[in-house]
């Protein structure tokens, strides 16, 4: 009996991966801006909050995020969070 939970791996469309990465970067940027603009932060605390990991947009399936990790563009941070990998000339 075959396991139906594991579908055959189909290559993901490069355009889908590009749009997903763009959506991830936008969410990361907006999350950081939101955190930086919170009330209660001192005006002299300086710098940003250092938000580096976010939950990826759920409009794309988990396979997309795992493929971006495999390509070295993202990395898992744990608890369902992902972060951008630093540019390391790959």
PDB file of N, CA and C in Angstrom:
ATOM      1  N   UNK A   1       0.835  -1.176   0.000  1.00  0.00           N
ATOM      2  CA  UNK A   1       0.000   0.000   0.000  1.00  0.00           C
ATOM      3  C   UNK A   1       0.881   1.241   0.000  1.00  0.00           C
ATOM      4  N   UNK A   2       0.614   2.164  -0.916  1.00  0.00           N
ATOM      5  CA  UNK A   2       1.426   3.375  -1.037  1.00  0.00           C
ATOM      6  C   UNK A   2       0.978   4.421  -0.031  1.00  0.00           C
ATOM      7  N   UNK A   3       1.922   5.225   0.405  1.00  0.00           N
ATOM      8  CA  UNK A   3       1.617   6.329   1.290  1.00  0.00           C
ATOM      9  C   UNK A   3       1.177   7.517   0.445  1.00  0.00           C
ATOM     10  N   UNK A   4      -0.076   7.909   0.548  1.00  0.00           N
ATOM     11  CA  UNK A   4      -0.607   8.980  -0.274  1.00  0.00           C
ATOM     12  C   UNK A   4      -0.244  10.357   0.262  1.00  0.00           C
ATOM     13  N   UNK A   5       0.330  10.431   1.459  1.00  0.00           N
ATOM     14  CA  UNK A   5       0.721  11.716   2.019  1.00  0.00           C
ATOM     15  C   UNK A   5       1.921  12.304   1.296  1.00  0.00           C
ATOM     16  N   UNK A   6       2.709  11.452   0.659  1.00  0.00           N
ATOM     17  CA  UNK A   6       3.904  11.930  -0.020  1.00  0.00           C
ATOM     18  C   UNK A   6       3.666  11.915  -1.517  1.00  0.00           C
ATOM     19  N   UNK A   7       3.361  13.093  -2.044  1.00  0.00           N
ATOM     20  CA  UNK A   7       3.159  13.230  -3.485  1.00  0.00           C
ATOM     21  C   UNK A   7       4.518  13.271  -4.169  1.00  0.00           C
ATOM     22  N   UNK A   8       4.595  12.850  -5.426  1.00  0.00           N
ATOM     23  CA  UNK A   8       5.868  12.938  -6.121  1.00  0.00           C
ATOM     24  C   UNK A   8       6.332  14.390  -6.201  1.00  0.00           C
ATOM     25  N   UNK A   9       7.607  14.603  -5.970  1.00  0.00           N
ATOM     26  CA  UNK A   9       8.154  15.960  -5.980  1.00  0.00           C
ATOM     27  C   UNK A   9       8.083  16.548  -7.383  1.00  0.00           C
ATOM     28  N   UNK A  10       7.428  17.684  -7.473  1.00  0.00           N
ATOM     29  CA  UNK A  10       7.357  18.402  -8.736  1.00  0.00           C
ATOM     30  C   UNK A  10       8.197  19.653  -8.601  1.00  0.00           C
ATOM     31  N   UNK A  11       8.937  19.998  -9.643  1.00  0.00           N
ATOM     32  CA  UNK A  11       9.736  21.206  -9.549  1.00  0.00           C
ATOM     33  C   UNK A  11       8.832  22.424  -9.384  1.00  0.00           C
ATOM     34  N   UNK A  12       9.236  23.316  -8.513  1.00  0.00           N
ATOM     35  CA  UNK A  12       8.463  24.531  -8.279  1.00  0.00           C
ATOM     36  C   UNK A  12       8.802  25.567  -9.345  1.00  0.00           C
ATOM     37  N   UNK A  13       7.806  26.306  -9.738  1.00  0.00           N
ATOM     38  CA  UNK A  13       7.958  27.348 -10.741  1.00  0.00           C
ATOM     39  C   UNK A  13       8.898  28.441 -10.213  1.00  0.00           C
ATOM     40  N   UNK A  14       9.941  28.807 -10.969  1.00  0.00           N
ATOM     41  CA  UNK A  14      10.862  29.855 -10.515  1.00  0.00           C
ATOM     42  C   UNK A  14      10.160  31.186 -10.236  1.00  0.00           C
ATOM     43  N   UNK A  15       9.114  31.480 -10.989  1.00  0.00           N
ATOM     44  CA  UNK A  15       8.361  32.723 -10.764  1.00  0.00           C
ATOM     45  C   UNK A  15       7.643  32.677  -9.415  1.00  0.00           C
ATOM     46  N   UNK A  16       7.117  31.523  -9.044  1.00  0.00           N
ATOM     47  CA  UNK A  16       6.464  31.370  -7.742  1.00  0.00           C
ATOM     48  C   UNK A  16       7.476  31.569  -6.624  1.00  0.00           C
ATOM     49  N   UNK A  17       8.656  30.999  -6.784  1.00  0.00           N
ATOM     50  CA  UNK A  17       9.706  31.164  -5.770  1.00  0.00           C
ATOM     51  C   UNK A  17      10.127  32.624  -5.656  1.00  0.00           C
ATOM     52  N   UNK A  18      10.235  33.306  -6.786  1.00  0.00           N
ATOM     53  CA  UNK A  18      10.625  34.722  -6.781  1.00  0.00           C
ATOM     54  C   UNK A  18       9.574  35.563  -6.056  1.00  0.00           C
ATOM     55  N   UNK A  19       8.292  35.319  -6.367  1.00  0.00           N
ATOM     56  CA  UNK A  19       7.221  36.082  -5.723  1.00  0.00           C
ATOM     57  C   UNK A  19       7.137  35.774  -4.235  1.00  0.00           C
ATOM     58  N   UNK A  20       7.349  34.521  -3.866  1.00  0.00           N
ATOM     59  CA  UNK A  20       7.307  34.138  -2.456  1.00  0.00           C
ATOM     60  C   UNK A  20       8.431  34.822  -1.680  1.00  0.00           C
ATOM     61  N   UNK A  21       9.625  34.855  -2.255  1.00  0.00           N
ATOM     62  CA  UNK A  21      10.750  35.503  -1.584  1.00  0.00           C
ATOM     63  C   UNK A  21      10.492  36.997  -1.438  1.00  0.00           C
ATOM     64  N   UNK A  22       9.908  37.599  -2.461  1.00  0.00           N
ATOM     65  CA  UNK A  22       9.579  39.027  -2.405  1.00  0.00           C
ATOM     66  C   UNK A  22       8.543  39.286  -1.302  1.00  0.00           C
ATOM     67  N   UNK A  23       7.526  38.425  -1.201  1.00  0.00           N
ATOM     68  CA  UNK A  23       6.509  38.558  -0.161  1.00  0.00           C
ATOM     69  C   UNK A  23       7.126  38.375   1.227  1.00  0.00           C
ATOM     70  N   UNK A  24       8.074  37.443   1.341  1.00  0.00           N
ATOM     71  CA  UNK A  24       8.752  37.220   2.619  1.00  0.00           C
ATOM     72  C   UNK A  24       9.536  38.461   3.032  1.00  0.00           C
ATOM     73  N   UNK A  25      10.291  39.034   2.093  1.00  0.00           N
ATOM     74  CA  UNK A  25      11.085  40.233   2.396  1.00  0.00           C
ATOM     75  C   UNK A  25      10.191  41.387   2.807  1.00  0.00           C
ATOM     76  N   UNK A  26       9.040  41.520   2.151  1.00  0.00           N
ATOM     77  CA  UNK A  26       8.113  42.596   2.490  1.00  0.00           C
ATOM     78  C   UNK A  26       7.562  42.393   3.895  1.00  0.00           C
ATOM     79  N   UNK A  27       7.182  41.154   4.237  1.00  0.00           N
ATOM     80  CA  UNK A  27       6.676  40.877   5.584  1.00  0.00           C
ATOM     81  C   UNK A  27       7.749  41.154   6.631  1.00  0.00           C
ATOM     82  N   UNK A  28       8.979  40.765   6.355  1.00  0.00           N
ATOM     83  CA  UNK A  28      10.072  41.004   7.295  1.00  0.00           C
ATOM     84  C   UNK A  28      10.264  42.505   7.515  1.00  0.00           C
ATOM     85  N   UNK A  29      10.247  43.265   6.431  1.00  0.00           N
ATOM     86  CA  UNK A  29      10.426  44.717   6.513  1.00  0.00           C
ATOM     87  C   UNK A  29       9.286  45.363   7.292  1.00  0.00           C
ATOM     88  N   UNK A  30       8.045  44.991   6.986  1.00  0.00           N
ATOM     89  CA  UNK A  30       6.900  45.577   7.674  1.00  0.00           C
ATOM     90  C   UNK A  30       6.870  45.188   9.148  1.00  0.00           C
ATOM     91  N   UNK A  31       7.263  43.972   9.464  1.00  0.00           N
ATOM     92  CA  UNK A  31       7.312  43.538  10.862  1.00  0.00           C
ATOM     93  C   UNK A  31       8.347  44.347  11.634  1.00  0.00           C
ATOM     94  N   UNK A  32       9.506  44.564  11.017  1.00  0.00           N
ATOM     95  CA  UNK A  32      10.554  45.350  11.668  1.00  0.00           C
ATOM     96  C   UNK A  32      10.109  46.801  11.853  1.00  0.00           C
ATOM     97  N   UNK A  33       9.470  47.381  10.835  1.00  0.00           N
ATOM     98  CA  UNK A  33       8.981  48.763  10.949  1.00  0.00           C
ATOM     99  C   UNK A  33       7.917  48.874  12.029  1.00  0.00           C
ATOM    100  N   UNK A  34       7.025  47.905  12.092  1.00  0.00           N
ATOM    101  CA  UNK A  34       5.976  47.903  13.100  1.00  0.00           C
ATOM    102  C   UNK A  34       6.583  47.823  14.495  1.00  0.00           C
ATOM    103  N   UNK A  35       7.547  46.954  14.672  1.00  0.00           N
ATOM    104  CA  UNK A  35       8.194  46.803  15.977  1.00  0.00           C
ATOM    105  C   UNK A  35       8.945  48.074  16.360  1.00  0.00           C
ATOM    106  N   UNK A  36       9.599  48.701  15.392  1.00  0.00           N
ATOM    107  CA  UNK A  36      10.356  49.919  15.674  1.00  0.00           C
ATOM    108  C   UNK A  36       9.459  51.096  16.027  1.00  0.00           C
ATOM    109  N   UNK A  37       8.212  51.098  15.552  1.00  0.00           N
ATOM    110  CA  UNK A  37       7.323  52.230  15.779  1.00  0.00           C
ATOM    111  C   UNK A  37       6.427  52.059  17.002  1.00  0.00           C
ATOM    112  N   UNK A  38       6.594  50.994  17.759  1.00  0.00           N
ATOM    113  CA  UNK A  38       5.749  50.744  18.934  1.00  0.00           C
ATOM    114  C   UNK A  38       5.919  51.832  19.980  1.00  0.00           C
ATOM    115  N   UNK A  39       4.797  52.153  20.613  1.00  0.00           N
ATOM    116  CA  UNK A  39       4.847  53.075  21.748  1.00  0.00           C
ATOM    117  C   UNK A  39       5.584  52.391  22.892  1.00  0.00           C
ATOM    118  N   UNK A  40       6.234  53.171  23.673  1.00  0.00           N
ATOM    119  CA  UNK A  40       6.939  52.611  24.810  1.00  0.00           C
ATOM    120  C   UNK A  40       8.421  52.429  24.558  1.00  0.00           C
ATOM    121  N   UNK A  41       8.810  52.533  23.327  1.00  0.00           N
ATOM    122  CA  UNK A  41      10.248  52.484  23.042  1.00  0.00           C
ATOM    123  C   UNK A  41      10.805  53.864  23.292  1.00  0.00           C
ATOM    124  N   UNK A  42      11.885  53.927  23.966  1.00  0.00           N
ATOM    125  CA  UNK A  42      12.479  55.223  24.266  1.00  0.00           C
ATOM    126  C   UNK A  42      13.014  55.911  23.016  1.00  0.00           C
ATOM    127  N   UNK A  43      12.871  57.240  22.931  1.00  0.00           N
ATOM    128  CA  UNK A  43      13.358  57.949  21.754  1.00  0.00           C
ATOM    129  C   UNK A  43      14.877  57.903  21.622  1.00  0.00           C
ATOM    130  N   UNK A  44      15.555  57.582  22.710  1.00  0.00           N
ATOM    131  CA  UNK A  44      17.016  57.553  22.665  1.00  0.00           C
ATOM    132  C   UNK A  44      17.566  56.130  22.688  1.00  0.00           C
ATOM    133  N   UNK A  45      16.689  55.160  22.507  1.00  0.00           N
ATOM    134  CA  UNK A  45      17.165  53.784  22.532  1.00  0.00           C
ATOM    135  C   UNK A  45      18.001  53.475  21.303  1.00  0.00           C
ATOM    136  N   UNK A  46      17.773  54.202  20.241  1.00  0.00           N
ATOM    137  CA  UNK A  46      18.601  54.099  19.039  1.00  0.00           C
ATOM    138  C   UNK A  46      18.532  52.762  18.344  1.00  0.00           C
ATOM    139  N   UNK A  47      18.778  52.777  17.064  1.00  0.00           N
ATOM    140  CA  UNK A  47      18.836  51.554  16.293  1.00  0.00           C
ATOM    141  C   UNK A  47      17.491  50.880  16.120  1.00  0.00           C
ATOM    142  N   UNK A  48      17.520  49.793  15.414  1.00  0.00           N
ATOM    143  CA  UNK A  48      16.292  49.036  15.193  1.00  0.00           C
ATOM    144  C   UNK A  48      16.180  47.923  16.221  1.00  0.00           C
ATOM    145  N   UNK A  49      15.039  47.275  16.229  1.00  0.00           N
ATOM    146  CA  UNK A  49      14.791  46.207  17.202  1.00  0.00           C
ATOM    147  C   UNK A  49      15.572  44.943  16.882  1.00  0.00           C
ATOM    148  N   UNK A  50      15.986  44.814  15.649  1.00  0.00           N
ATOM    149  CA  UNK A  50      16.733  43.624  15.276  1.00  0.00           C
ATOM    150  C   UNK A  50      15.850  42.452  14.911  1.00  0.00           C
ATOM    151  N   UNK A  51      14.653  42.712  14.392  1.00  0.00           N
ATOM    152  CA  UNK A  51      13.787  41.626  13.933  1.00  0.00           C
ATOM    153  C   UNK A  51      14.469  40.968  12.747  1.00  0.00           C
ATOM    154  N   UNK A  52      14.770  39.679  12.867  1.00  0.00           N
ATOM    155  CA  UNK A  52      15.464  38.984  11.784  1.00  0.00           C
ATOM    156  C   UNK A  52      14.683  37.800  11.245  1.00  0.00           C
ATOM    157  N   UNK A  53      13.692  37.309  12.002  1.00  0.00           N
ATOM    158  CA  UNK A  53      12.944  36.132  11.575  1.00  0.00           C
ATOM    159  C   UNK A  53      11.448  36.384  11.712  1.00  0.00           C
ATOM    160  N   UNK A  54      10.687  35.891  10.743  1.00  0.00           N
ATOM    161  CA  UNK A  54       9.234  36.021  10.758  1.00  0.00           C
ATOM    162  C   UNK A  54       8.602  34.731  10.257  1.00  0.00           C
ATOM    163  N   UNK A  55       7.323  34.598  10.526  1.00  0.00           N
ATOM    164  CA  UNK A  55       6.555  33.491   9.973  1.00  0.00           C
ATOM    165  C   UNK A  55       6.270  33.840   8.515  1.00  0.00           C
ATOM    166  N   UNK A  56       6.548  32.957   7.567  1.00  0.00           N
ATOM    167  CA  UNK A  56       6.360  33.287   6.155  1.00  0.00           C
ATOM    168  C   UNK A  56       4.884  33.444   5.806  1.00  0.00           C
ATOM    169  N   UNK A  57       4.577  34.222   4.769  1.00  0.00           N
ATOM    170  CA  UNK A  57       3.183  34.384   4.346  1.00  0.00           C
ATOM    171  C   UNK A  57       2.552  33.031   4.031  1.00  0.00           C
ATOM    172  N   UNK A  58       1.338  32.827   4.515  1.00  0.00           N
ATOM    173  CA  UNK A  58       0.701  31.525   4.333  1.00  0.00           C
ATOM    174  C   UNK A  58       0.015  31.354   2.984  1.00  0.00           C
ATOM    175  N   UNK A  59       0.159  32.334   2.101  1.00  0.00           N
ATOM    176  CA  UNK A  59      -0.407  32.177   0.762  1.00  0.00           C
ATOM    177  C   UNK A  59       0.433  31.239  -0.098  1.00  0.00           C
ATOM    178  N   UNK A  60       1.617  30.892   0.388  1.00  0.00           N
ATOM    179  CA  UNK A  60       2.487  29.940  -0.307  1.00  0.00           C
ATOM    180  C   UNK A  60       2.649  28.704   0.573  1.00  0.00           C
ATOM    181  N   UNK A  61       2.691  27.527  -0.035  1.00  0.00           N
ATOM    182  CA  UNK A  61       2.807  26.294   0.764  1.00  0.00           C
ATOM    183  C   UNK A  61       4.199  26.133   1.378  1.00  0.00           C
ATOM    184  N   UNK A  62       4.271  25.261   2.347  1.00  0.00           N
ATOM    185  CA  UNK A  62       5.521  24.968   3.053  1.00  0.00           C
ATOM    186  C   UNK A  62       6.618  24.535   2.089  1.00  0.00           C
ATOM    187  N   UNK A  63       6.261  23.818   1.020  1.00  0.00           N
ATOM    188  CA  UNK A  63       7.259  23.347   0.052  1.00  0.00           C
ATOM    189  C   UNK A  63       8.041  24.503  -0.563  1.00  0.00           C
ATOM    190  N   UNK A  64       7.381  25.650  -0.759  1.00  0.00           N
ATOM    191  CA  UNK A  64       8.051  26.822  -1.334  1.00  0.00           C
ATOM    192  C   UNK A  64       9.139  27.308  -0.386  1.00  0.00           C
ATOM    193  N   UNK A  65       8.808  27.401   0.898  1.00  0.00           N
ATOM    194  CA  UNK A  65       9.780  27.906   1.876  1.00  0.00           C
ATOM    195  C   UNK A  65      10.940  26.923   2.061  1.00  0.00           C
ATOM    196  N   UNK A  66      10.626  25.641   2.020  1.00  0.00           N
ATOM    197  CA  UNK A  66      11.684  24.640   2.130  1.00  0.00           C
ATOM    198  C   UNK A  66      12.610  24.683   0.907  1.00  0.00           C
ATOM    199  N   UNK A  67      12.054  24.923  -0.260  1.00  0.00           N
ATOM    200  CA  UNK A  67      12.878  25.028  -1.465  1.00  0.00           C
ATOM    201  C   UNK A  67      13.773  26.264  -1.398  1.00  0.00           C
ATOM    202  N   UNK A  68      13.253  27.371  -0.897  1.00  0.00           N
ATOM    203  CA  UNK A  68      14.082  28.573  -0.748  1.00  0.00           C
ATOM    204  C   UNK A  68      15.198  28.340   0.272  1.00  0.00           C
ATOM    205  N   UNK A  69      14.938  27.530   1.286  1.00  0.00           N
ATOM    206  CA  UNK A  69      15.998  27.150   2.241  1.00  0.00           C
ATOM    207  C   UNK A  69      17.042  26.297   1.533  1.00  0.00           C
ATOM    208  N   UNK A  70      16.566  25.330   0.740  1.00  0.00           N
ATOM    209  CA  UNK A  70      17.484  24.443   0.022  1.00  0.00           C
ATOM    210  C   UNK A  70      18.370  25.236  -0.924  1.00  0.00           C
ATOM    211  N   UNK A  71      17.818  26.298  -1.530  1.00  0.00           N
ATOM    212  CA  UNK A  71      18.585  27.138  -2.448  1.00  0.00           C
ATOM    213  C   UNK A  71      19.514  28.095  -1.713  1.00  0.00           C
ATOM    214  N   UNK A  72      19.415  28.162  -0.392  1.00  0.00           N
ATOM    215  CA  UNK A  72      20.299  29.017   0.384  1.00  0.00           C
ATOM    216  C   UNK A  72      19.837  30.454   0.501  1.00  0.00           C
ATOM    217  N   UNK A  73      18.577  30.735   0.177  1.00  0.00           N
ATOM    218  CA  UNK A  73      18.064  32.104   0.252  1.00  0.00           C
ATOM    219  C   UNK A  73      17.436  32.397   1.608  1.00  0.00           C
ATOM    220  N   UNK A  74      16.916  31.371   2.257  1.00  0.00           N
ATOM    221  CA  UNK A  74      16.340  31.497   3.595  1.00  0.00           C
ATOM    222  C   UNK A  74      16.934  30.413   4.471  1.00  0.00           C
ATOM    223  N   UNK A  75      16.710  30.553   5.785  1.00  0.00           N
ATOM    224  CA  UNK A  75      17.048  29.463   6.696  1.00  0.00           C
ATOM    225  C   UNK A  75      16.011  29.424   7.808  1.00  0.00           C
ATOM    226  N   UNK A  76      15.791  28.226   8.310  1.00  0.00           N
ATOM    227  CA  UNK A  76      14.831  28.029   9.394  1.00  0.00           C
ATOM    228  C   UNK A  76      15.400  28.576  10.688  1.00  0.00           C
ATOM    229  N   UNK A  77      14.538  29.258  11.446  1.00  0.00           N
ATOM    230  CA  UNK A  77      14.940  29.787  12.747  1.00  0.00           C
ATOM    231  C   UNK A  77      14.298  29.035  13.893  1.00  0.00           C
ATOM    232  N   UNK A  78      13.436  28.097  13.585  1.00  0.00           N
ATOM    233  CA  UNK A  78      12.735  27.347  14.615  1.00  0.00           C
ATOM    234  C   UNK A  78      11.350  27.919  14.868  1.00  0.00           C
ATOM    235  N   UNK A  79      10.478  27.107  15.399  1.00  0.00           N
ATOM    236  CA  UNK A  79       9.099  27.488  15.731  1.00  0.00           C
ATOM    237  C   UNK A  79       8.337  28.049  14.539  1.00  0.00           C
ATOM    238  N   UNK A  80       8.644  27.561  13.334  1.00  0.00           N
ATOM    239  CA  UNK A  80       7.936  28.013  12.141  1.00  0.00           C
ATOM    240  C   UNK A  80       8.402  29.337  11.585  1.00  0.00           C
ATOM    241  N   UNK A  81       9.498  29.859  12.112  1.00  0.00           N
ATOM    242  CA  UNK A  81      10.040  31.137  11.644  1.00  0.00           C
ATOM    243  C   UNK A  81      11.177  30.890  10.663  1.00  0.00           C
ATOM    244  N   UNK A  82      11.327  31.832   9.748  1.00  0.00           N
ATOM    245  CA  UNK A  82      12.406  31.785   8.762  1.00  0.00           C
ATOM    246  C   UNK A  82      13.103  33.134   8.760  1.00  0.00           C
ATOM    247  N   UNK A  83      14.347  33.136   8.328  1.00  0.00           N
ATOM    248  CA  UNK A  83      15.095  34.386   8.202  1.00  0.00           C
ATOM    249  C   UNK A  83      15.875  34.372   6.906  1.00  0.00           C
ATOM    250  N   UNK A  84      16.221  35.581   6.440  1.00  0.00           N
ATOM    251  CA  UNK A  84      17.044  35.693   5.238  1.00  0.00           C
ATOM    252  C   UNK A  84      18.454  35.257   5.566  1.00  0.00           C
ATOM    253  N   UNK A  85      19.070  34.571   4.646  1.00  0.00           N
ATOM    254  CA  UNK A  85      20.479  34.218   4.832  1.00  0.00           C
ATOM    255  C   UNK A  85      21.322  35.411   4.425  1.00  0.00           C
ATOM    256  N   UNK A  86      22.384  35.662   5.133  1.00  0.00           N
ATOM    257  CA  UNK A  86      23.264  36.760   4.715  1.00  0.00           C
ATOM    258  C   UNK A  86      23.912  36.428   3.376  1.00  0.00           C
ATOM    259  N   UNK A  87      24.148  37.449   2.603  1.00  0.00           N
ATOM    260  CA  UNK A  87      24.799  37.230   1.304  1.00  0.00           C
ATOM    261  C   UNK A  87      26.197  36.665   1.548  1.00  0.00           C
ATOM    262  N   UNK A  88      26.414  35.504   0.990  1.00  0.00           N
ATOM    263  CA  UNK A  88      27.738  34.887   1.137  1.00  0.00           C
ATOM    264  C   UNK A  88      28.285  34.469  -0.209  1.00  0.00           C
ATOM    265  N   UNK A  89      27.944  35.243  -1.238  1.00  0.00           N
ATOM    266  CA  UNK A  89      28.479  35.058  -2.597  1.00  0.00           C
ATOM    267  C   UNK A  89      28.304  33.651  -3.129  1.00  0.00           C
ATOM    268  N   UNK A  90      27.135  33.083  -2.946  1.00  0.00           N
ATOM    269  CA  UNK A  90      26.873  31.753  -3.507  1.00  0.00           C
ATOM    270  C   UNK A  90      26.401  31.860  -4.912  1.00  0.00           C
TER     271      UNK A  90
END
